[in-house]
Amino acid sequence: MKTINHSTSLRINGESFDSAQDAEPVEARSRTIKFYTLGCKVNQYDTQSIRARFMRAGFEELDNGCPSRFCLINTCTVTAVADAKSRELIRRIKRENPDAKIIVTGCLAQKDAPSLSGVPDVDFIISKSFFPDGIGVFKGNTRAFLKIQDGCNNFCSFCKVPYVRGRSRSRTLSEVTLEAERLVKTGVKEIVLCGICLGSYGKDGLQEANLVEVIESLENIGGLLRIRLSSIEPMDVNAALIRKLRSSKKLCRHLHIPLQSGDDSILKMMNRNYDSATYLRLINEIKGLIEGIAITTDVLVGFPCESEENFQNTVNLIREINPLRTHIFCYSRREPTAAAKKFKSNIAPQTVKRRAAYLKGVANDCSLVYRKRFLGKEPFVLIENRSKEEPYFWQGHTDNYIKVLIKSRADLKNRLIKALLVECASGVMIGKLKSKAKIS
């Protein structure tokens, strides 16, 4: 197994993955590869960036059942569950491709390469820093993730990400704009701006621009219909961003603002730098100024010392903010975080699972309440692809992130559809086609 970082000779374009004498030249082998991604939108962007490098080197990507010579797995390590999923995926891919060379990169490989070095299925561990950012194509075409920032300075006590991704750093405005223009030329109609801590864009002192200026630059790109923001911290939602949400014809009415807990004592132990009243005021202000905006959020259940009262405060706040979607995570001890050093979890695993299940039910109820407001409305839906669950339906999203299924025999992919919303189903709405216009 070869461990490769940014300073190691790993050549794709010419010869081999490693300069070791036993390395077989790439040209002598089949140049086929498959890509697998776990984790967040930033990880999905990173895989596209890695993919671009292999494609430029003349590799052929396989996405069918045929075996490939190489399989690259972009891992996640945000929770213990993510670690387990990454390792299980490595084993599964090796079973499905027994003769393939397995390349592992991403967050788990970045911080815990020694733990992977003894895994017999892993042939290469490659630091993400070996693959520079930059894409010209995003597989899928309709919606593309565009990473404008990486790293995090917040150091929430439970979070391993700053230790894996490093300090916050921003890409240049010109680099971001040029990349967006390239993506739109390939047919992309919606760009999702993403980062590990998106709202910190420009605050590292490396760039003069800020997040609103990035949005304004992308608004000028012809053919780009929508700009969406990925996760943004409460303290980074400022007055300028809210004004832009109100005035922009392209910026989607949707904000994903992590909550993590609705209890002030837990928020303090998490080092979250706001309290529940501040969070609720922010959400109410946004909803009061922007009609129909969707709020989605993250909640961490089972943080050490979380009592039933602490948990109930979270449940109550979720009911008050009424999010469209709530991503629920169960706490897991992550070295070398402050929580791992300071707090010993005294919550039984079955209690954490019970709380997570209960909160999921509450979150589903909130989602239904929000979506019911739009029954009988006729929003525009940007169609992304056919539904895997309902093959006779196309699926897409409204600008406020409601997932819509529309039945049609016509090819609707990458079209903007005006749909009458007629039914609320589990997590989605059913729409009827009102009109369609091909997007040039």
Protein backbone atom coordinates (compact mmCIF):
# COMPACT_ATOMS: atom_id res chain seq x y z
CA MET A 1 0.00 0.00 0.00
CA LYS A 2 1.36 3.40 -1.01
CA THR A 3 0.67 6.53 1.06
CA ILE A 4 0.97 9.60 -1.11
CA ASN A 5 0.81 13.26 -0.11
CA HIS A 6 1.31 16.51 -1.95
CA SER A 7 5.11 16.22 -1.85
CA THR A 8 5.30 12.67 -3.16
CA SER A 9 5.86 11.89 -6.83
CA LEU A 10 2.52 10.64 -8.10
CA ARG A 11 2.20 11.07 -11.84
CA ILE A 12 -1.05 10.48 -13.64
CA ASN A 13 -0.26 11.94 -17.03
CA GLY A 14 2.87 10.01 -17.77
CA GLU A 15 3.77 6.92 -15.93
CA SER A 16 2.49 5.57 -12.65
CA PHE A 17 0.84 6.26 -9.34
CA ASP A 18 4.10 5.90 -7.46
CA SER A 19 7.77 6.15 -8.17
CA ALA A 20 8.51 2.87 -6.44
CA GLN A 21 10.33 0.37 -8.64
CA ASP A 22 7.53 -2.17 -8.42
CA ALA A 23 4.94 0.28 -9.70
CA GLU A 24 3.51 -0.84 -13.02
CA PRO A 25 3.23 1.90 -15.69
CA VAL A 26 -0.32 3.16 -16.14
CA GLU A 27 -0.07 2.88 -19.92
CA ALA A 28 0.43 -0.88 -19.62
CA ARG A 29 -2.90 -1.25 -17.88
CA SER A 30 -6.50 -0.50 -18.67
CA ARG A 31 -7.12 3.19 -17.96
CA THR A 32 -10.58 2.80 -16.46
CA ILE A 33 -11.75 4.23 -13.15
CA LYS A 34 -14.84 4.54 -10.96
CA PHE A 35 -15.51 7.27 -8.39
CA TYR A 36 -17.38 6.98 -5.09
CA THR A 37 -18.23 9.81 -2.70
CA LEU A 38 -19.34 9.94 0.92
CA GLY A 39 -20.28 13.05 2.87
CA CYS A 40 -21.10 16.67 2.20
CA LYS A 41 -21.48 18.91 -0.85
CA VAL A 42 -17.85 19.97 -0.54
CA ASN A 43 -16.80 16.33 -0.80
CA GLN A 44 -18.98 15.95 -3.89
CA TYR A 45 -17.28 18.96 -5.44
CA ASP A 46 -13.88 17.54 -4.53
CA THR A 47 -14.71 14.28 -6.31
CA GLN A 48 -15.59 16.24 -9.45
CA SER A 49 -12.26 18.06 -9.19
CA ILE A 50 -10.40 14.77 -8.80
CA ARG A 51 -12.42 13.28 -11.64
CA ALA A 52 -11.40 16.17 -13.92
CA ARG A 53 -7.73 15.44 -13.32
CA PHE A 54 -8.11 11.78 -14.23
CA MET A 55 -10.16 12.61 -17.32
CA ARG A 56 -7.48 15.04 -18.51
CA ALA A 57 -4.96 12.23 -18.06
CA GLY A 58 -6.91 10.08 -20.51
CA PHE A 59 -8.77 7.81 -18.11
CA GLU A 60 -12.19 6.45 -18.95
CA GLU A 61 -14.84 6.66 -16.23
CA LEU A 62 -17.12 3.66 -15.81
CA ASP A 63 -20.46 4.02 -14.05
CA ASN A 64 -21.94 0.64 -14.95
CA GLY A 65 -21.51 -2.89 -13.61
CA CYS A 66 -18.32 -3.52 -15.55
CA PRO A 67 -15.14 -3.89 -13.47
CA SER A 68 -12.63 -1.05 -13.65
CA ARG A 69 -8.87 -1.04 -13.14
CA PHE A 70 -9.00 1.71 -10.50
CA CYS A 71 -11.65 2.68 -7.94
CA LEU A 72 -11.30 5.98 -6.07
CA ILE A 73 -13.22 6.48 -2.81
CA ASN A 74 -13.58 9.99 -1.37
CA THR A 75 -14.18 9.39 2.35
CA CYS A 76 -15.90 11.26 5.18
CA THR A 77 -15.03 11.32 8.87
CA VAL A 78 -17.51 13.78 10.41
CA THR A 79 -19.00 11.07 12.67
CA ALA A 80 -18.16 7.53 13.75
CA VAL A 81 -20.95 6.38 11.43
CA ALA A 82 -19.19 8.14 8.54
CA ASP A 83 -15.95 6.35 9.41
CA ALA A 84 -17.77 3.01 9.41
CA LYS A 85 -19.50 3.77 6.10
CA SER A 86 -16.17 4.70 4.52
CA ARG A 87 -14.54 1.45 5.59
CA GLU A 88 -17.56 -0.61 4.57
CA LEU A 89 -17.58 1.05 1.14
CA ILE A 90 -13.89 0.18 0.69
CA ARG A 91 -14.65 -3.49 1.45
CA ARG A 92 -17.72 -3.56 -0.79
CA ILE A 93 -15.97 -1.97 -3.75
CA LYS A 94 -13.09 -4.45 -3.43
CA ARG A 95 -15.58 -7.34 -3.42
CA GLU A 96 -17.26 -5.96 -6.54
CA ASN A 97 -13.92 -5.18 -8.24
CA PRO A 98 -11.46 -7.78 -6.88
CA ASP A 99 -8.75 -6.98 -9.42
CA ALA A 100 -9.02 -3.19 -9.07
CA LYS A 101 -6.51 -0.91 -7.41
CA ILE A 102 -8.31 0.90 -4.58
CA ILE A 103 -7.42 4.58 -4.11
CA VAL A 104 -8.62 6.24 -0.90
CA THR A 105 -8.68 10.00 -0.37
CA GLY A 106 -10.81 12.55 1.48
CA CYS A 107 -11.26 13.46 5.12
CA LEU A 108 -10.78 10.02 6.70
CA ALA A 109 -7.61 9.50 4.69
CA GLN A 110 -6.41 13.01 5.49
CA LYS A 111 -6.42 12.60 9.27
CA ASP A 112 -6.39 8.84 9.84
CA ALA A 113 -4.14 7.46 7.10
CA PRO A 114 -2.32 5.22 9.64
CA SER A 115 -5.59 3.48 10.51
CA LEU A 116 -6.13 2.72 6.82
CA SER A 117 -2.56 1.70 6.03
CA GLY A 118 -3.14 -1.77 7.44
CA VAL A 119 -6.35 -2.37 5.49
CA PRO A 120 -5.47 -5.01 2.86
CA ASP A 121 -8.05 -3.72 0.37
CA VAL A 122 -6.42 -0.27 0.14
CA ASP A 123 -3.68 0.16 -2.46
CA PHE A 124 -3.13 3.94 -2.39
CA ILE A 125 -3.91 6.62 0.21
CA ILE A 126 -3.74 10.05 -1.41
CA SER A 127 -3.95 13.36 0.42
CA LYS A 128 -6.68 15.63 -0.92
CA SER A 129 -4.08 18.39 -1.16
CA PHE A 130 -2.60 16.47 -4.10
CA PHE A 131 -5.71 17.34 -6.13
CA PRO A 132 -6.08 21.11 -6.71
CA ASP A 133 -9.55 22.66 -6.91
CA GLY A 134 -11.07 23.40 -10.28
CA ILE A 135 -13.71 21.86 -12.54
CA GLY A 136 -15.17 22.56 -15.94
CA VAL A 137 -17.87 19.89 -15.86
CA PHE A 138 -20.14 18.72 -13.07
CA LYS A 139 -21.61 15.33 -13.76
CA GLY A 140 -25.40 15.60 -13.95
CA ASN A 141 -25.43 19.04 -15.62
CA THR A 142 -28.57 20.68 -14.18
CA ARG A 143 -27.25 21.55 -10.70
CA ALA A 144 -23.58 21.93 -9.84
CA PHE A 145 -21.81 22.43 -6.53
CA LEU A 146 -19.10 25.09 -6.62
CA LYS A 147 -16.69 25.21 -3.69
CA ILE A 148 -15.64 28.78 -2.94
CA GLN A 149 -14.17 28.21 0.54
CA ASP A 150 -12.52 25.44 2.53
CA GLY A 151 -11.55 24.92 6.16
CA CYS A 152 -13.04 26.26 9.39
CA ASN A 153 -11.92 28.47 12.28
CA ASN A 154 -14.92 27.89 14.54
CA PHE A 155 -13.76 24.78 16.40
CA CYS A 156 -17.14 23.66 17.71
CA SER A 157 -16.29 21.33 20.58
CA PHE A 158 -17.82 18.24 18.92
CA CYS A 159 -16.47 18.77 15.39
CA LYS A 160 -13.43 17.12 13.86
CA VAL A 161 -13.62 19.02 10.58
CA PRO A 162 -11.20 21.91 11.40
CA TYR A 163 -8.53 19.34 12.30
CA VAL A 164 -9.05 17.62 8.94
CA ARG A 165 -9.76 20.53 6.60
CA GLY A 166 -7.53 23.13 8.26
CA ARG A 167 -8.05 26.86 8.69
CA SER A 168 -10.53 28.83 6.62
CA ARG A 169 -9.31 29.92 3.19
CA SER A 170 -11.16 31.43 0.25
CA ARG A 171 -10.79 31.09 -3.49
CA THR A 172 -10.46 34.27 -5.54
CA LEU A 173 -13.57 35.94 -6.93
CA SER A 174 -12.20 35.74 -10.47
CA GLU A 175 -11.45 32.03 -10.11
CA VAL A 176 -14.96 31.34 -8.81
CA THR A 177 -16.61 33.42 -11.54
CA LEU A 178 -14.64 31.80 -14.37
CA GLU A 179 -15.44 28.34 -13.04
CA ALA A 180 -19.14 29.21 -12.84
CA GLU A 181 -19.06 30.47 -16.44
CA ARG A 182 -17.46 27.21 -17.59
CA LEU A 183 -20.13 25.18 -15.81
CA VAL A 184 -22.99 27.19 -17.32
CA LYS A 185 -21.56 26.59 -20.80
CA THR A 186 -21.99 22.84 -20.20
CA GLY A 187 -25.71 23.27 -19.47
CA VAL A 188 -25.73 23.90 -15.70
CA LYS A 189 -28.78 25.97 -14.71
CA GLU A 190 -28.29 26.11 -10.93
CA ILE A 191 -25.07 26.61 -9.00
CA VAL A 192 -24.88 25.78 -5.30
CA LEU A 193 -22.17 27.80 -3.58
CA CYS A 194 -20.60 25.63 -0.93
CA GLY A 195 -17.81 25.60 1.60
CA ILE A 196 -16.91 24.04 4.90
CA CYS A 197 -17.83 27.38 6.50
CA LEU A 198 -19.41 29.24 3.60
CA GLY A 199 -20.19 32.44 5.50
CA SER A 200 -16.53 32.96 6.34
CA TYR A 201 -15.73 33.53 2.65
CA GLY A 202 -13.41 36.53 2.35
CA LYS A 203 -12.84 36.84 6.10
CA ASP A 204 -9.44 35.14 5.97
CA GLY A 205 -7.79 38.31 4.71
CA LEU A 206 -6.71 36.58 1.51
CA GLN A 207 -9.55 38.00 -0.62
CA GLU A 208 -11.13 41.43 -0.81
CA ALA A 209 -14.54 40.09 -1.86
CA ASN A 210 -17.30 38.81 0.40
CA LEU A 211 -20.12 36.29 -0.10
CA VAL A 212 -22.62 38.87 -1.37
CA GLU A 213 -20.11 40.05 -3.96
CA VAL A 214 -19.67 36.46 -5.14
CA ILE A 215 -23.43 36.21 -5.59
CA GLU A 216 -23.53 39.50 -7.49
CA SER A 217 -20.77 38.36 -9.82
CA LEU A 218 -22.61 35.12 -10.63
CA GLU A 219 -25.89 36.99 -11.16
CA ASN A 220 -24.34 38.52 -14.28
CA ILE A 221 -23.73 35.15 -15.96
CA GLY A 222 -26.17 34.66 -18.82
CA GLY A 223 -27.94 31.30 -18.85
CA LEU A 224 -27.54 30.75 -15.10
CA LEU A 225 -31.05 30.64 -13.66
CA ARG A 226 -30.44 29.95 -9.99
CA ILE A 227 -27.83 30.50 -7.30
CA ARG A 228 -28.29 28.55 -4.08
CA LEU A 229 -26.34 28.69 -0.84
CA SER A 230 -25.32 25.59 1.05
CA SER A 231 -24.96 25.56 4.84
CA ILE A 232 -24.27 28.93 6.49
CA GLU A 233 -23.75 29.57 10.20
CA PRO A 234 -26.24 31.82 12.09
CA MET A 235 -23.59 34.46 12.88
CA ASP A 236 -22.76 34.76 9.16
CA VAL A 237 -26.32 35.61 8.05
CA ASN A 238 -25.97 39.40 8.02
CA ALA A 239 -28.14 42.29 6.87
CA ALA A 240 -26.41 42.51 3.47
CA LEU A 241 -27.12 38.85 2.72
CA ILE A 242 -30.76 39.19 3.76
CA ARG A 243 -31.15 42.25 1.50
CA LYS A 244 -29.65 40.26 -1.37
CA LEU A 245 -32.10 37.42 -0.74
CA ARG A 246 -34.96 39.92 -0.95
CA SER A 247 -33.80 41.67 -4.11
CA SER A 248 -32.11 38.99 -6.22
CA LYS A 249 -33.95 37.37 -9.10
CA LYS A 250 -31.54 34.41 -9.11
CA LEU A 251 -30.67 33.73 -5.46
CA CYS A 252 -32.94 30.98 -4.14
CA ARG A 253 -35.26 31.57 -1.18
CA HIS A 254 -33.62 28.92 0.93
CA LEU A 255 -31.13 29.01 3.79
CA HIS A 256 -29.62 26.03 5.56
CA ILE A 257 -28.72 27.38 9.01
CA PRO A 258 -27.39 24.77 11.47
CA LEU A 259 -28.98 24.84 14.92
CA GLN A 260 -27.28 21.79 16.57
CA SER A 261 -29.20 22.30 19.85
CA GLY A 262 -32.08 24.39 21.13
CA ASP A 263 -30.75 24.37 24.67
CA ASP A 264 -28.51 27.22 25.82
CA SER A 265 -26.35 25.18 28.18
CA ILE A 266 -25.64 22.60 25.49
CA LEU A 267 -24.93 25.31 22.91
CA LYS A 268 -22.37 26.80 25.30
CA MET A 269 -20.66 23.43 25.78
CA MET A 270 -20.68 23.03 21.99
CA ASN A 271 -18.91 26.41 21.63
CA ARG A 272 -21.59 27.58 19.21
CA ASN A 273 -21.38 31.36 20.00
CA TYR A 274 -25.15 32.05 20.02
CA ASP A 275 -28.12 31.14 22.20
CA SER A 276 -31.55 29.81 21.33
CA ALA A 277 -33.23 33.23 21.54
CA THR A 278 -30.72 34.72 19.09
CA TYR A 279 -31.28 31.87 16.65
CA LEU A 280 -35.07 32.18 16.86
CA ARG A 281 -34.92 35.97 16.36
CA LEU A 282 -32.81 35.49 13.24
CA ILE A 283 -35.23 32.95 11.73
CA ASN A 284 -38.24 35.11 12.51
CA GLU A 285 -36.55 38.14 10.96
CA ILE A 286 -35.73 36.24 7.78
CA LYS A 287 -39.24 34.81 7.48
CA GLY A 288 -40.77 38.23 8.10
CA LEU A 289 -38.76 39.82 5.30
CA ILE A 290 -38.74 37.06 2.67
CA GLU A 291 -42.10 35.52 1.84
CA GLY A 292 -42.09 31.73 1.51
CA ILE A 293 -38.40 31.24 2.32
CA ALA A 294 -37.44 27.71 3.35
CA ILE A 295 -35.28 27.09 6.39
CA THR A 296 -33.41 23.80 6.69
CA THR A 297 -31.15 22.91 9.59
CA ASP A 298 -28.88 20.45 11.39
CA VAL A 299 -29.43 19.06 14.90
CA LEU A 300 -26.98 17.00 16.95
CA VAL A 301 -28.68 14.63 19.40
CA GLY A 302 -27.00 13.02 22.40
CA PHE A 303 -24.26 15.52 23.14
CA PRO A 304 -22.59 14.55 26.47
CA CYS A 305 -24.70 15.55 29.48
CA GLU A 306 -27.79 16.24 27.34
CA SER A 307 -30.74 15.73 29.71
CA GLU A 308 -34.36 15.10 28.75
CA GLU A 309 -35.03 18.77 29.49
CA ASN A 310 -32.16 19.86 27.24
CA PHE A 311 -33.49 17.64 24.49
CA GLN A 312 -37.05 18.91 24.91
CA ASN A 313 -35.80 22.49 24.50
CA THR A 314 -34.42 21.44 21.11
CA VAL A 315 -37.72 19.81 20.15
CA ASN A 316 -39.63 22.95 21.16
CA LEU A 317 -37.36 25.22 19.11
CA ILE A 318 -37.63 23.02 16.04
CA ARG A 319 -41.41 23.28 16.29
CA GLU A 320 -41.15 27.07 16.52
CA ILE A 321 -38.89 27.54 13.50
CA ASN A 322 -40.79 24.90 11.47
CA PRO A 323 -38.00 23.90 9.05
CA LEU A 324 -38.60 22.29 5.68
CA ARG A 325 -35.89 19.72 6.45
CA THR A 326 -33.95 18.78 9.56
CA HIS A 327 -30.77 16.72 9.29
CA ILE A 328 -30.40 14.78 12.53
CA PHE A 329 -27.05 13.42 13.70
CA CYS A 330 -26.20 11.37 16.76
CA TYR A 331 -23.18 12.50 18.76
CA SER A 332 -20.04 10.41 18.48
CA ARG A 333 -16.73 11.01 20.22
CA ARG A 334 -14.26 12.53 17.78
CA GLU A 335 -10.58 12.85 18.61
CA PRO A 336 -8.96 15.36 19.08
CA THR A 337 -11.97 17.63 19.71
CA ALA A 338 -12.54 19.56 22.92
CA ALA A 339 -15.67 17.54 23.68
CA ALA A 340 -13.70 14.31 23.49
CA LYS A 341 -11.21 15.70 26.01
CA LYS A 342 -13.59 17.51 28.39
CA PHE A 343 -16.83 15.53 28.45
CA LYS A 344 -17.56 11.91 29.12
CA SER A 345 -20.83 10.79 27.58
CA ASN A 346 -23.23 9.38 30.12
CA ILE A 347 -26.15 8.85 27.76
CA ALA A 348 -27.13 5.30 26.88
CA PRO A 349 -27.02 4.58 23.11
CA GLN A 350 -30.67 3.44 23.15
CA THR A 351 -31.64 6.80 24.66
CA VAL A 352 -29.86 8.68 21.90
CA LYS A 353 -31.57 6.54 19.25
CA ARG A 354 -34.97 7.10 20.89
CA ARG A 355 -34.46 10.86 20.94
CA ALA A 356 -33.28 10.93 17.33
CA ALA A 357 -36.31 8.90 16.22
CA TYR A 358 -38.68 11.17 18.13
CA LEU A 359 -37.09 14.31 16.70
CA LYS A 360 -37.32 12.84 13.20
CA GLY A 361 -41.08 12.49 13.66
CA VAL A 362 -41.33 16.10 14.81
CA ALA A 363 -39.20 17.23 11.85
CA ASN A 364 -41.43 15.34 9.41
CA ASP A 365 -44.50 17.03 10.89
CA CYS A 366 -42.84 20.44 10.50
CA SER A 367 -41.95 19.68 6.89
CA LEU A 368 -45.55 18.75 6.12
CA VAL A 369 -46.87 21.93 7.72
CA TYR A 370 -44.49 24.04 5.65
CA ARG A 371 -45.21 22.27 2.36
CA LYS A 372 -48.99 22.37 2.79
CA ARG A 373 -48.79 26.15 2.50
CA PHE A 374 -47.97 25.71 -1.17
CA LEU A 375 -50.84 23.42 -2.19
CA GLY A 376 -52.59 25.01 -5.14
CA LYS A 377 -49.62 27.25 -5.92
CA GLU A 378 -47.88 27.23 -9.31
CA PRO A 379 -44.14 27.63 -8.73
CA PHE A 380 -41.39 27.03 -11.24
CA VAL A 381 -39.57 23.70 -10.83
CA LEU A 382 -36.13 23.09 -12.29
CA ILE A 383 -36.17 19.46 -13.42
CA GLU A 384 -32.99 17.52 -12.64
CA ASN A 385 -33.64 13.89 -13.60
CA ARG A 386 -36.07 11.01 -13.49
CA SER A 387 -37.14 9.80 -10.07
CA LYS A 388 -35.48 6.53 -9.05
CA GLU A 389 -38.41 5.67 -6.78
CA GLU A 390 -41.12 6.62 -9.31
CA PRO A 391 -39.77 5.90 -12.81
CA TYR A 392 -42.71 7.56 -14.58
CA PHE A 393 -42.06 10.82 -12.75
CA TRP A 394 -39.48 13.55 -13.19
CA GLN A 395 -38.07 15.24 -10.11
CA GLY A 396 -36.79 18.71 -9.41
CA HIS A 397 -36.91 21.51 -6.88
CA THR A 398 -38.62 24.83 -6.46
CA ASP A 399 -36.41 27.79 -5.62
CA ASN A 400 -37.37 27.30 -1.95
CA TYR A 401 -36.11 23.73 -2.09
CA ILE A 402 -39.37 21.81 -2.15
CA LYS A 403 -38.80 18.55 -3.98
CA VAL A 404 -41.49 18.03 -6.63
CA LEU A 405 -42.43 14.97 -8.69
CA ILE A 406 -44.14 15.55 -12.05
CA LYS A 407 -45.52 12.77 -14.23
CA SER A 408 -44.76 13.20 -17.91
CA ARG A 409 -43.80 11.12 -20.94
CA ALA A 410 -41.87 14.08 -22.38
CA ASP A 411 -38.18 14.60 -21.72
CA LEU A 412 -38.18 17.33 -19.08
CA LYS A 413 -34.55 17.13 -17.95
CA ASN A 414 -32.89 20.52 -17.48
CA ARG A 415 -36.10 22.42 -18.17
CA LEU A 416 -37.88 24.99 -16.06
CA ILE A 417 -41.43 23.82 -15.51
CA LYS A 418 -44.39 25.70 -14.10
CA ALA A 419 -46.26 23.15 -12.00
CA LEU A 420 -49.50 23.13 -10.05
CA LEU A 421 -48.78 21.57 -6.64
CA VAL A 422 -51.65 19.19 -5.93
CA GLU A 423 -50.50 16.78 -3.20
CA CYS A 424 -48.11 16.44 -0.26
CA ALA A 425 -46.44 13.05 -0.14
CA SER A 426 -43.67 11.77 2.11
CA GLY A 427 -40.94 14.38 1.83
CA VAL A 428 -42.09 15.57 -1.61
CA MET A 429 -44.95 17.30 -3.38
CA ILE A 430 -46.75 16.07 -6.47
CA GLY A 431 -47.12 18.56 -9.28
CA LYS A 432 -49.10 18.72 -12.49
CA LEU A 433 -47.51 20.16 -15.60
CA LYS A 434 -48.88 23.60 -16.42
CA SER A 435 -46.45 24.78 -19.06
CA LYS A 436 -42.89 24.08 -20.11
CA ALA A 437 -40.17 26.07 -21.76
CA LYS A 438 -36.91 24.70 -23.05
CA ILE A 439 -34.00 26.58 -21.50
CA SER A 440 -31.49 27.79 -24.04
